[in-house]
Every structure is written in structure tokens, then in C-alpha cells.
Amino acid sequence: VDSYVTEPDQKKMVEAAVRGMVGSLEDPYTVYLTPEDLK
């Protein structure tokens, strides 16, 4: 956030970190659902 050449999308960064954490389980049935995914 402080030094990258262009200003990052912080929401995307956090969501990518969450998906990476869930993805480390290597379980396709464990998934993060965003508020948009829930409906």
C-alpha cells in the first residue's frame, strides 16, 4: 500500500489473501463466499 508503483485495490488484496488461505487446504469443497456470492 505504501510503496507499490500504482495504488493497489486493498479490498482485492484482502480477498486474495483469504482465498489463498482457504486454497492452501486443497479442498475444493471449502470455499469463501463473498456477500455477492451468497445470494
Full PDB file with SEQRES, HELIX, SHEET, SSBOND, CRYST1, ORIGX, SCALE, CONECT and MASTER records, all heavy atoms in Angstrom:
SEQRES   1 A   39  VAL ASP SER TYR VAL THR GLU PRO ASP GLN LYS LYS MET          
SEQRES   2 A   39  VAL GLU ALA ALA VAL ARG GLY MET VAL GLY SER LEU GLU          
SEQRES   3 A   39  ASP PRO TYR THR VAL TYR LEU THR PRO GLU ASP LEU LYS          
HELIX    1 AA1 GLN A   10  GLY A   23  1                                  14    
HELIX    2 AA2 PRO A   35  LEU A   38  1                                   4    
CRYST1    1.000    1.000    1.000  90.00  90.00  90.00 P 1           1          
ORIGX1      1.000000  0.000000  0.000000        0.00000                         
ORIGX2      0.000000  1.000000  0.000000        0.00000                         
ORIGX3      0.000000  0.000000  1.000000        0.00000                         
SCALE1      1.000000  0.000000  0.000000        0.00000                         
SCALE2      0.000000  1.000000  0.000000        0.00000                         
SCALE3      0.000000  0.000000  1.000000        0.00000                         
ATOM      1  N   VAL A   1       0.831  -1.201   0.000  1.00  0.00           N  
ATOM      2  CA  VAL A   1       0.000   0.000   0.000  1.00  0.00           C  
ATOM      3  C   VAL A   1       0.867   1.254   0.000  1.00  0.00           C  
ATOM      4  O   VAL A   1       0.564   2.255  -0.659  1.00  0.00           O  
ATOM      5  CB  VAL A   1      -0.947  -0.002   1.223  1.00  0.00           C  
ATOM      6  CG1 VAL A   1      -1.671   1.336   1.355  1.00  0.00           C  
ATOM      7  CG2 VAL A   1      -1.964  -1.132   1.092  1.00  0.00           C  
ATOM      8  N   ASP A   2       1.994   1.184   0.709  1.00  0.00           N  
ATOM      9  CA  ASP A   2       2.849   2.361   0.875  1.00  0.00           C  
ATOM     10  C   ASP A   2       3.744   2.613  -0.338  1.00  0.00           C  
ATOM     11  O   ASP A   2       3.995   3.772  -0.697  1.00  0.00           O  
ATOM     12  CB  ASP A   2       3.723   2.176   2.125  1.00  0.00           C  
ATOM     13  CG  ASP A   2       4.509   3.435   2.465  1.00  0.00           C  
ATOM     14  OD1 ASP A   2       3.870   4.479   2.704  1.00  0.00           O  
ATOM     15  OD2 ASP A   2       5.759   3.361   2.476  1.00  0.00           O  
ATOM     16  N   SER A   3       4.231   1.553  -1.005  1.00  0.00           N  
ATOM     17  CA  SER A   3       5.326   1.738  -1.962  1.00  0.00           C  
ATOM     18  C   SER A   3       5.061   1.237  -3.377  1.00  0.00           C  
ATOM     19  O   SER A   3       5.879   1.480  -4.268  1.00  0.00           O  
ATOM     20  CB  SER A   3       6.589   1.035  -1.425  1.00  0.00           C  
ATOM     21  OG  SER A   3       6.925   1.504  -0.146  1.00  0.00           O  
ATOM     22  N   TYR A   4       3.986   0.469  -3.616  1.00  0.00           N  
ATOM     23  CA  TYR A   4       3.779  -0.077  -4.960  1.00  0.00           C  
ATOM     24  C   TYR A   4       3.586   1.060  -5.958  1.00  0.00           C  
ATOM     25  O   TYR A   4       3.056   2.127  -5.630  1.00  0.00           O  
ATOM     26  CB  TYR A   4       2.575  -1.022  -4.977  1.00  0.00           C  
ATOM     27  CG  TYR A   4       2.411  -1.752  -6.290  1.00  0.00           C  
ATOM     28  CD1 TYR A   4       3.362  -2.661  -6.712  1.00  0.00           C  
ATOM     29  CD2 TYR A   4       1.328  -1.490  -7.127  1.00  0.00           C  
ATOM     30  CE1 TYR A   4       3.242  -3.319  -7.932  1.00  0.00           C  
ATOM     31  CE2 TYR A   4       1.189  -2.145  -8.336  1.00  0.00           C  
ATOM     32  CZ  TYR A   4       2.159  -3.057  -8.738  1.00  0.00           C  
ATOM     33  OH  TYR A   4       2.037  -3.685  -9.950  1.00  0.00           O  
ATOM     34  N   VAL A   5       4.018   0.844  -7.209  1.00  0.00           N  
ATOM     35  CA  VAL A   5       4.074   1.899  -8.207  1.00  0.00           C  
ATOM     36  C   VAL A   5       2.718   2.545  -8.465  1.00  0.00           C  
ATOM     37  O   VAL A   5       2.623   3.747  -8.740  1.00  0.00           O  
ATOM     38  CB  VAL A   5       4.685   1.351  -9.521  1.00  0.00           C  
ATOM     39  CG1 VAL A   5       3.828   0.253 -10.112  1.00  0.00           C  
ATOM     40  CG2 VAL A   5       4.915   2.477 -10.527  1.00  0.00           C  
ATOM     41  N   THR A   6       1.650   1.769  -8.423  1.00  0.00           N  
ATOM     42  CA  THR A   6       0.297   2.328  -8.506  1.00  0.00           C  
ATOM     43  C   THR A   6      -0.468   1.916  -7.250  1.00  0.00           C  
ATOM     44  O   THR A   6      -0.119   0.941  -6.577  1.00  0.00           O  
ATOM     45  CB  THR A   6      -0.458   1.811  -9.746  1.00  0.00           C  
ATOM     46  OG1 THR A   6      -0.534   0.383  -9.676  1.00  0.00           O  
ATOM     47  CG2 THR A   6       0.259   2.220 -11.028  1.00  0.00           C  
ATOM     48  N   GLU A   7      -1.521   2.665  -6.939  1.00  0.00           N  
ATOM     49  CA  GLU A   7      -2.247   2.390  -5.696  1.00  0.00           C  
ATOM     50  C   GLU A   7      -3.030   1.081  -5.817  1.00  0.00           C  
ATOM     51  O   GLU A   7      -3.866   0.939  -6.711  1.00  0.00           O  
ATOM     52  CB  GLU A   7      -3.211   3.530  -5.374  1.00  0.00           C  
ATOM     53  CG  GLU A   7      -3.898   3.350  -4.032  1.00  0.00           C  
ATOM     54  CD  GLU A   7      -4.725   4.568  -3.645  1.00  0.00           C  
ATOM     55  OE1 GLU A   7      -4.657   5.602  -4.344  1.00  0.00           O  
ATOM     56  OE2 GLU A   7      -5.445   4.476  -2.637  1.00  0.00           O  
ATOM     57  N   PRO A   8      -2.747   0.113  -4.939  1.00  0.00           N  
ATOM     58  CA  PRO A   8      -3.434  -1.188  -5.023  1.00  0.00           C  
ATOM     59  C   PRO A   8      -4.887  -1.095  -4.581  1.00  0.00           C  
ATOM     60  O   PRO A   8      -5.275  -0.199  -3.815  1.00  0.00           O  
ATOM     61  CB  PRO A   8      -2.638  -2.076  -4.060  1.00  0.00           C  
ATOM     62  CG  PRO A   8      -1.409  -1.307  -3.695  1.00  0.00           C  
ATOM     63  CD  PRO A   8      -1.750   0.126  -3.860  1.00  0.00           C  
ATOM     64  N   ASP A   9      -5.685  -2.030  -5.066  1.00  0.00           N  
ATOM     65  CA  ASP A   9      -7.063  -2.194  -4.601  1.00  0.00           C  
ATOM     66  C   ASP A   9      -7.008  -3.027  -3.322  1.00  0.00           C  
ATOM     67  O   ASP A   9      -6.813  -4.246  -3.362  1.00  0.00           O  
ATOM     68  CB  ASP A   9      -7.899  -2.903  -5.674  1.00  0.00           C  
ATOM     69  CG  ASP A   9      -9.370  -3.008  -5.310  1.00  0.00           C  
ATOM     70  OD1 ASP A   9      -9.669  -3.140  -4.103  1.00  0.00           O  
ATOM     71  OD2 ASP A   9     -10.212  -2.998  -6.218  1.00  0.00           O  
ATOM     72  N   GLN A  10      -7.171  -2.373  -2.178  1.00  0.00           N  
ATOM     73  CA  GLN A  10      -6.967  -3.061  -0.899  1.00  0.00           C  
ATOM     74  C   GLN A  10      -8.023  -4.135  -0.649  1.00  0.00           C  
ATOM     75  O   GLN A  10      -7.738  -5.159  -0.025  1.00  0.00           O  
ATOM     76  CB  GLN A  10      -6.951  -2.045   0.244  1.00  0.00           C  
ATOM     77  CG  GLN A  10      -5.777  -1.079   0.153  1.00  0.00           C  
ATOM     78  CD  GLN A  10      -5.627  -0.235   1.391  1.00  0.00           C  
ATOM     79  OE1 GLN A  10      -5.674  -0.748   2.509  1.00  0.00           O  
ATOM     80  NE2 GLN A  10      -5.449   1.076   1.197  1.00  0.00           N  
ATOM     81  N   LYS A  11      -9.228  -3.915  -1.145  1.00  0.00           N  
ATOM     82  CA  LYS A  11     -10.267  -4.933  -0.978  1.00  0.00           C  
ATOM     83  C   LYS A  11      -9.872  -6.203  -1.727  1.00  0.00           C  
ATOM     84  O   LYS A  11     -10.015  -7.326  -1.221  1.00  0.00           O  
ATOM     85  CB  LYS A  11     -11.603  -4.416  -1.503  1.00  0.00           C  
ATOM     86  CG  LYS A  11     -12.750  -5.417  -1.331  1.00  0.00           C  
ATOM     87  CD  LYS A  11     -14.054  -4.860  -1.883  1.00  0.00           C  
ATOM     88  CE  LYS A  11     -15.162  -5.906  -1.766  1.00  0.00           C  
ATOM     89  NZ  LYS A  11     -16.437  -5.412  -2.352  1.00  0.00           N  
ATOM     90  N   LYS A  12      -9.348  -6.034  -2.943  1.00  0.00           N  
ATOM     91  CA  LYS A  12      -8.894  -7.186  -3.723  1.00  0.00           C  
ATOM     92  C   LYS A  12      -7.754  -7.916  -3.029  1.00  0.00           C  
ATOM     93  O   LYS A  12      -7.675  -9.140  -3.033  1.00  0.00           O  
ATOM     94  CB  LYS A  12      -8.435  -6.737  -5.109  1.00  0.00           C  
ATOM     95  CG  LYS A  12      -9.504  -6.772  -6.182  1.00  0.00           C  
ATOM     96  CD  LYS A  12      -8.859  -6.506  -7.531  1.00  0.00           C  
ATOM     97  CE  LYS A  12      -9.912  -6.591  -8.632  1.00  0.00           C  
ATOM     98  NZ  LYS A  12      -9.302  -6.360  -9.957  1.00  0.00           N  
ATOM     99  N   MET A  13      -6.846  -7.141  -2.428  1.00  0.00           N  
ATOM    100  CA  MET A  13      -5.703  -7.738  -1.748  1.00  0.00           C  
ATOM    101  C   MET A  13      -6.144  -8.625  -0.597  1.00  0.00           C  
ATOM    102  O   MET A  13      -5.675  -9.758  -0.442  1.00  0.00           O  
ATOM    103  CB  MET A  13      -4.759  -6.636  -1.232  1.00  0.00           C  
ATOM    104  CG  MET A  13      -3.993  -5.921  -2.324  1.00  0.00           C  
ATOM    105  SD  MET A  13      -3.126  -4.466  -1.694  1.00  0.00           S  
ATOM    106  CE  MET A  13      -2.077  -5.222  -0.457  1.00  0.00           C  
ATOM    107  N   VAL A  14      -7.074  -8.123   0.214  1.00  0.00           N  
ATOM    108  CA  VAL A  14      -7.547  -8.892   1.367  1.00  0.00           C  
ATOM    109  C   VAL A  14      -8.292 -10.138   0.907  1.00  0.00           C  
ATOM    110  O   VAL A  14      -8.087 -11.240   1.427  1.00  0.00           O  
ATOM    111  CB  VAL A  14      -8.442  -8.015   2.271  1.00  0.00           C  
ATOM    112  CG1 VAL A  14      -9.088  -8.861   3.361  1.00  0.00           C  
ATOM    113  CG2 VAL A  14      -7.630  -6.885   2.882  1.00  0.00           C  
ATOM    114  N   GLU A  15      -9.141  -9.975  -0.109  1.00  0.00           N  
ATOM    115  CA  GLU A  15      -9.904 -11.117  -0.597  1.00  0.00           C  
ATOM    116  C   GLU A  15      -8.981 -12.185  -1.184  1.00  0.00           C  
ATOM    117  O   GLU A  15      -9.185 -13.389  -0.986  1.00  0.00           O  
ATOM    118  CB  GLU A  15     -10.914 -10.660  -1.647  1.00  0.00           C  
ATOM    119  CG  GLU A  15     -11.868 -11.761  -2.069  1.00  0.00           C  
ATOM    120  CD  GLU A  15     -12.981 -11.254  -2.972  1.00  0.00           C  
ATOM    121  OE1 GLU A  15     -13.601 -10.229  -2.625  1.00  0.00           O  
ATOM    122  OE2 GLU A  15     -13.217 -11.884  -4.020  1.00  0.00           O  
ATOM    123  N   ALA A  16      -7.916 -11.742  -1.889  1.00  0.00           N  
ATOM    124  CA  ALA A  16      -6.952 -12.693  -2.449  1.00  0.00           C  
ATOM    125  C   ALA A  16      -6.209 -13.430  -1.339  1.00  0.00           C  
ATOM    126  O   ALA A  16      -5.932 -14.629  -1.447  1.00  0.00           O  
ATOM    127  CB  ALA A  16      -5.966 -11.968  -3.343  1.00  0.00           C  
ATOM    128  N   ALA A  17      -5.891 -12.718  -0.248  1.00  0.00           N  
ATOM    129  CA  ALA A  17      -5.219 -13.363   0.886  1.00  0.00           C  
ATOM    130  C   ALA A  17      -6.123 -14.410   1.515  1.00  0.00           C  
ATOM    131  O   ALA A  17      -5.676 -15.511   1.868  1.00  0.00           O  
ATOM    132  CB  ALA A  17      -4.824 -12.314   1.924  1.00  0.00           C  
ATOM    133  N   VAL A  18      -7.421 -14.086   1.644  1.00  0.00           N  
ATOM    134  CA  VAL A  18      -8.376 -15.035   2.209  1.00  0.00           C  
ATOM    135  C   VAL A  18      -8.493 -16.259   1.316  1.00  0.00           C  
ATOM    136  O   VAL A  18      -8.450 -17.406   1.790  1.00  0.00           O  
ATOM    137  CB  VAL A  18      -9.752 -14.361   2.400  1.00  0.00           C  
ATOM    138  CG1 VAL A  18     -10.813 -15.397   2.759  1.00  0.00           C  
ATOM    139  CG2 VAL A  18      -9.677 -13.293   3.483  1.00  0.00           C  
ATOM    140  N   ARG A  19      -8.623 -16.047   0.010  1.00  0.00           N  
ATOM    141  CA  ARG A  19      -8.768 -17.176  -0.909  1.00  0.00           C  
ATOM    142  C   ARG A  19      -7.498 -18.029  -0.924  1.00  0.00           C  
ATOM    143  O   ARG A  19      -7.559 -19.250  -1.067  1.00  0.00           O  
ATOM    144  CB  ARG A  19      -9.100 -16.679  -2.315  1.00  0.00           C  
ATOM    145  CG  ARG A  19     -10.482 -16.025  -2.424  1.00  0.00           C  
ATOM    146  CD  ARG A  19     -10.929 -15.883  -3.862  1.00  0.00           C  
ATOM    147  NE  ARG A  19     -12.167 -15.130  -3.962  1.00  0.00           N  
ATOM    148  CZ  ARG A  19     -13.374 -15.628  -3.770  1.00  0.00           C  
ATOM    149  NH1 ARG A  19     -13.501 -16.900  -3.424  1.00  0.00           N  
ATOM    150  NH2 ARG A  19     -14.450 -14.883  -3.892  1.00  0.00           N  
ATOM    151  N   GLY A  20      -6.343 -17.372  -0.777  1.00  0.00           N  
ATOM    152  CA  GLY A  20      -5.099 -18.122  -0.704  1.00  0.00           C  
ATOM    153  C   GLY A  20      -5.039 -18.993   0.538  1.00  0.00           C  
ATOM    154  O   GLY A  20      -4.582 -20.145   0.489  1.00  0.00           O  
ATOM    155  N   MET A  21      -5.524 -18.459   1.663  1.00  0.00           N  
ATOM    156  CA  MET A  21      -5.541 -19.213   2.907  1.00  0.00           C  
ATOM    157  C   MET A  21      -6.457 -20.435   2.781  1.00  0.00           C  
ATOM    158  O   MET A  21      -6.092 -21.553   3.156  1.00  0.00           O  
ATOM    159  CB  MET A  21      -6.034 -18.308   4.050  1.00  0.00           C  
ATOM    160  CG  MET A  21      -5.617 -18.770   5.418  1.00  0.00           C  
ATOM    161  SD  MET A  21      -6.109 -17.652   6.772  1.00  0.00           S  
ATOM    162  CE  MET A  21      -6.458 -16.108   5.993  1.00  0.00           C  
ATOM    163  N   VAL A  22      -7.637 -20.215   2.216  1.00  0.00           N  
ATOM    164  CA  VAL A  22      -8.580 -21.317   2.020  1.00  0.00           C  
ATOM    165  C   VAL A  22      -8.025 -22.309   0.990  1.00  0.00           C  
ATOM    166  O   VAL A  22      -8.109 -23.533   1.169  1.00  0.00           O  
ATOM    167  CB  VAL A  22      -9.950 -20.776   1.566  1.00  0.00           C  
ATOM    168  CG1 VAL A  22     -10.890 -21.922   1.192  1.00  0.00           C  
ATOM    169  CG2 VAL A  22     -10.580 -19.933   2.670  1.00  0.00           C  
ATOM    170  N   GLY A  23      -7.403 -21.791  -0.065  1.00  0.00           N  
ATOM    171  CA  GLY A  23      -6.862 -22.648  -1.112  1.00  0.00           C  
ATOM    172  C   GLY A  23      -5.735 -23.539  -0.638  1.00  0.00           C  
ATOM    173  O   GLY A  23      -5.508 -24.613  -1.207  1.00  0.00           O  
ATOM    174  N   SER A  24      -5.031 -23.125   0.428  1.00  0.00           N  
ATOM    175  CA  SER A  24      -3.926 -23.933   0.936  1.00  0.00           C  
ATOM    176  C   SER A  24      -4.399 -25.277   1.481  1.00  0.00           C  
ATOM    177  O   SER A  24      -3.612 -26.215   1.626  1.00  0.00           O  
ATOM    178  CB  SER A  24      -3.171 -23.172   2.028  1.00  0.00           C  
ATOM    179  OG  SER A  24      -3.955 -23.064   3.217  1.00  0.00           O  
ATOM    180  N   LEU A  25      -5.694 -25.393   1.785  1.00  0.00           N  
ATOM    181  CA  LEU A  25      -6.255 -26.660   2.275  1.00  0.00           C  
ATOM    182  C   LEU A  25      -6.398 -27.688   1.152  1.00  0.00           C  
ATOM    183  O   LEU A  25      -6.562 -28.881   1.421  1.00  0.00           O  
ATOM    184  CB  LEU A  25      -7.631 -26.416   2.911  1.00  0.00           C  
ATOM    185  CG  LEU A  25      -7.666 -25.444   4.086  1.00  0.00           C  
ATOM    186  CD1 LEU A  25      -9.112 -25.164   4.504  1.00  0.00           C  
ATOM    187  CD2 LEU A  25      -6.872 -25.985   5.266  1.00  0.00           C  
ATOM    188  N   GLU A  26      -6.355 -27.206  -0.103  1.00  0.00           N  
ATOM    189  CA  GLU A  26      -6.508 -28.077  -1.272  1.00  0.00           C  
ATOM    190  C   GLU A  26      -7.785 -28.910  -1.190  1.00  0.00           C  
ATOM    191  O   GLU A  26      -7.805 -30.095  -1.505  1.00  0.00           O  
ATOM    192  CB  GLU A  26      -5.271 -28.976  -1.439  1.00  0.00           C  
ATOM    193  CG  GLU A  26      -4.000 -28.189  -1.684  1.00  0.00           C  
ATOM    194  CD  GLU A  26      -2.779 -29.053  -1.909  1.00  0.00           C  
ATOM    195  OE1 GLU A  26      -2.869 -30.279  -1.691  1.00  0.00           O  
ATOM    196  OE2 GLU A  26      -1.738 -28.514  -2.324  1.00  0.00           O  
ATOM    197  N   ASP A  27      -8.845 -28.245  -0.752  1.00  0.00           N  
ATOM    198  CA  ASP A  27     -10.162 -28.878  -0.642  1.00  0.00           C  
ATOM    199  C   ASP A  27     -11.141 -28.056  -1.475  1.00  0.00           C  
ATOM    200  O   ASP A  27     -11.505 -26.944  -1.083  1.00  0.00           O  
ATOM    201  CB  ASP A  27     -10.612 -28.913   0.822  1.00  0.00           C  
ATOM    202  CG  ASP A  27     -12.028 -29.454   1.002  1.00  0.00           C  
ATOM    203  OD1 ASP A  27     -12.608 -29.944   0.008  1.00  0.00           O  
ATOM    204  OD2 ASP A  27     -12.563 -29.377   2.127  1.00  0.00           O  
ATOM    205  N   PRO A  28     -11.579 -28.561  -2.636  1.00  0.00           N  
ATOM    206  CA  PRO A  28     -12.460 -27.765  -3.499  1.00  0.00           C  
ATOM    207  C   PRO A  28     -13.821 -27.481  -2.888  1.00  0.00           C  
ATOM    208  O   PRO A  28     -14.559 -26.631  -3.394  1.00  0.00           O  
ATOM    209  CB  PRO A  28     -12.593 -28.639  -4.755  1.00  0.00           C  
ATOM    210  CG  PRO A  28     -12.314 -30.029  -4.297  1.00  0.00           C  
ATOM    211  CD  PRO A  28     -11.292 -29.894  -3.207  1.00  0.00           C  
ATOM    212  N   TYR A  29     -14.166 -28.184  -1.811  1.00  0.00           N  
ATOM    213  CA  TYR A  29     -15.484 -28.005  -1.200  1.00  0.00           C  
ATOM    214  C   TYR A  29     -15.475 -26.990  -0.060  1.00  0.00           C  
ATOM    215  O   TYR A  29     -16.527 -26.633   0.470  1.00  0.00           O  
ATOM    216  CB  TYR A  29     -16.009 -29.355  -0.702  1.00  0.00           C  
ATOM    217  CG  TYR A  29     -15.991 -30.420  -1.774  1.00  0.00           C  
ATOM    218  CD1 TYR A  29     -15.059 -31.452  -1.762  1.00  0.00           C  
ATOM    219  CD2 TYR A  29     -16.885 -30.362  -2.836  1.00  0.00           C  
ATOM    220  CE1 TYR A  29     -15.021 -32.405  -2.757  1.00  0.00           C  
ATOM    221  CE2 TYR A  29     -16.861 -31.311  -3.843  1.00  0.00           C  
ATOM    222  CZ  TYR A  29     -15.924 -32.340  -3.803  1.00  0.00           C  
ATOM    223  OH  TYR A  29     -15.899 -33.274  -4.802  1.00  0.00           O  
ATOM    224  N   THR A  30     -14.287 -26.529   0.348  1.00  0.00           N  
ATOM    225  CA  THR A  30     -14.180 -25.459   1.334  1.00  0.00           C  
ATOM    226  C   THR A  30     -13.893 -24.167   0.585  1.00  0.00           C  
ATOM    227  O   THR A  30     -12.840 -24.034  -0.043  1.00  0.00           O  
ATOM    228  CB  THR A  30     -13.064 -25.745   2.352  1.00  0.00           C  
ATOM    229  OG1 THR A  30     -13.398 -26.907   3.111  1.00  0.00           O  
ATOM    230  CG2 THR A  30     -12.880 -24.576   3.303  1.00  0.00           C  
ATOM    231  N   VAL A  31     -14.842 -23.235   0.621  1.00  0.00           N  
ATOM    232  CA  VAL A  31     -14.706 -22.007  -0.168  1.00  0.00           C  
ATOM    233  C   VAL A  31     -15.183 -20.799   0.628  1.00  0.00           C  
ATOM    234  O   VAL A  31     -16.074 -20.892   1.483  1.00  0.00           O  
ATOM    235  CB  VAL A  31     -15.505 -22.084  -1.495  1.00  0.00           C  
ATOM    236  CG1 VAL A  31     -14.921 -23.126  -2.427  1.00  0.00           C  
ATOM    237  CG2 VAL A  31     -16.975 -22.374  -1.234  1.00  0.00           C  
ATOM    238  N   TYR A  32     -14.567 -19.658   0.338  1.00  0.00           N  
ATOM    239  CA  TYR A  32     -15.007 -18.386   0.897  1.00  0.00           C  
ATOM    240  C   TYR A  32     -16.086 -17.813  -0.002  1.00  0.00           C  
ATOM    241  O   TYR A  32     -15.942 -17.758  -1.227  1.00  0.00           O  
ATOM    242  CB  TYR A  32     -13.828 -17.423   1.002  1.00  0.00           C  
ATOM    243  CG  TYR A  32     -14.230 -15.983   1.237  1.00  0.00           C  
ATOM    244  CD1 TYR A  32     -14.963 -15.616   2.372  1.00  0.00           C  
ATOM    245  CD2 TYR A  32     -13.888 -14.990   0.313  1.00  0.00           C  
ATOM    246  CE1 TYR A  32     -15.337 -14.300   2.574  1.00  0.00           C  
ATOM    247  CE2 TYR A  32     -14.252 -13.669   0.521  1.00  0.00           C  
ATOM    248  CZ  TYR A  32     -14.985 -13.331   1.653  1.00  0.00           C  
ATOM    249  OH  TYR A  32     -15.357 -12.021   1.860  1.00  0.00           O  
ATOM    250  N   LEU A  33     -17.194 -17.389   0.601  1.00  0.00           N  
ATOM    251  CA  LEU A  33     -18.304 -16.807  -0.138  1.00  0.00           C  
ATOM    252  C   LEU A  33     -18.391 -15.326   0.198  1.00  0.00           C  
ATOM    253  O   LEU A  33     -18.616 -14.962   1.363  1.00  0.00           O  
ATOM    254  CB  LEU A  33     -19.628 -17.495   0.230  1.00  0.00           C  
ATOM    255  CG  LEU A  33     -19.698 -19.009  -0.005  1.00  0.00           C  
ATOM    256  CD1 LEU A  33     -20.945 -19.584   0.651  1.00  0.00           C  
ATOM    257  CD2 LEU A  33     -19.691 -19.316  -1.484  1.00  0.00           C  
ATOM    258  N   THR A  34     -18.190 -14.469  -0.792  1.00  0.00           N  
ATOM    259  CA  THR A  34     -18.340 -13.039  -0.577  1.00  0.00           C  
ATOM    260  C   THR A  34     -19.830 -12.719  -0.398  1.00  0.00           C  
ATOM    261  O   THR A  34     -20.690 -13.541  -0.732  1.00  0.00           O  
ATOM    262  CB  THR A  34     -17.789 -12.247  -1.774  1.00  0.00           C  
ATOM    263  OG1 THR A  34     -18.633 -12.524  -2.911  1.00  0.00           O  
ATOM    264  CG2 THR A  34     -16.355 -12.647  -2.086  1.00  0.00           C  
ATOM    265  N   PRO A  35     -20.143 -11.519   0.093  1.00  0.00           N  
ATOM    266  CA  PRO A  35     -21.573 -11.144   0.181  1.00  0.00           C  
ATOM    267  C   PRO A  35     -22.276 -11.260  -1.166  1.00  0.00           C  
ATOM    268  O   PRO A  35     -23.451 -11.639  -1.227  1.00  0.00           O  
ATOM    269  CB  PRO A  35     -21.513  -9.699   0.675  1.00  0.00           C  
ATOM    270  CG  PRO A  35     -20.249  -9.630   1.477  1.00  0.00           C  
ATOM    271  CD  PRO A  35     -19.277 -10.503   0.731  1.00  0.00           C  
ATOM    272  N   GLU A  36     -21.531 -10.975  -2.258  1.00  0.00           N  
ATOM    273  CA  GLU A  36     -22.132 -11.092  -3.593  1.00  0.00           C  
ATOM    274  C   GLU A  36     -22.386 -12.551  -3.970  1.00  0.00           C  
ATOM    275  O   GLU A  36     -23.314 -12.867  -4.717  1.00  0.00           O  
ATOM    276  CB  GLU A  36     -21.215 -10.446  -4.639  1.00  0.00           C  
ATOM    277  CG  GLU A  36     -21.068  -8.934  -4.515  1.00  0.00           C  
ATOM    278  CD  GLU A  36     -20.119  -8.529  -3.387  1.00  0.00           C  
ATOM    279  OE1 GLU A  36     -19.332  -9.396  -2.927  1.00  0.00           O  
ATOM    280  OE2 GLU A  36     -20.186  -7.369  -2.949  1.00  0.00           O  
ATOM    281  N   ASP A  37     -21.536 -13.468  -3.452  1.00  0.00           N  
ATOM    282  CA  ASP A  37     -21.688 -14.890  -3.756  1.00  0.00           C  
ATOM    283  C   ASP A  37     -22.886 -15.519  -3.047  1.00  0.00           C  
ATOM    284  O   ASP A  37     -23.410 -16.551  -3.483  1.00  0.00           O  
ATOM    285  CB  ASP A  37     -20.442 -15.669  -3.314  1.00  0.00           C  
ATOM    286  CG  ASP A  37     -19.207 -15.313  -4.123  1.00  0.00           C  
ATOM    287  OD1 ASP A  37     -19.370 -14.914  -5.289  1.00  0.00           O  
ATOM    288  OD2 ASP A  37     -18.096 -15.435  -3.580  1.00  0.00           O  
ATOM    289  N   LEU A  38     -23.296 -14.928  -1.925  1.00  0.00           N  
ATOM    290  CA  LEU A  38     -24.260 -15.595  -1.049  1.00  0.00           C  
ATOM    291  C   LEU A  38     -25.642 -15.754  -1.678  1.00  0.00           C  
ATOM    292  O   LEU A  38     -26.293 -16.774  -1.488  1.00  0.00           O  
ATOM    293  CB  LEU A  38     -24.389 -14.842   0.278  1.00  0.00           C  
ATOM    294  CG  LEU A  38     -23.277 -15.112   1.285  1.00  0.00           C  
ATOM    295  CD1 LEU A  38     -23.419 -14.201   2.499  1.00  0.00           C  
ATOM    296  CD2 LEU A  38     -23.300 -16.567   1.721  1.00  0.00           C  
ATOM    297  N   LYS A  39     -26.090 -14.762  -2.438  1.00  0.00           N  
ATOM    298  CA  LYS A  39     -27.449 -14.849  -2.991  1.00  0.00           C  
ATOM    299  C   LYS A  39     -27.616 -16.027  -3.942  1.00  0.00           C  
ATOM    300  O   LYS A  39     -28.530 -16.845  -3.772  1.00  0.00           O  
ATOM    301  CB  LYS A  39     -27.822 -13.533  -3.668  1.00  0.00           C  
ATOM    302  CG  LYS A  39     -28.083 -12.411  -2.670  1.00  0.00           C  
ATOM    303  CD  LYS A  39     -28.525 -11.137  -3.373  1.00  0.00           C  
ATOM    304  CE  LYS A  39     -28.786 -10.026  -2.351  1.00  0.00           C  
ATOM    305  NZ  LYS A  39     -29.194  -8.752  -3.015  1.00  0.00           N  
TER     306      LYS A  39                                                      
MASTER        0    0    0    2    0    0    0    6  305    1    0    3          
END                                                                             
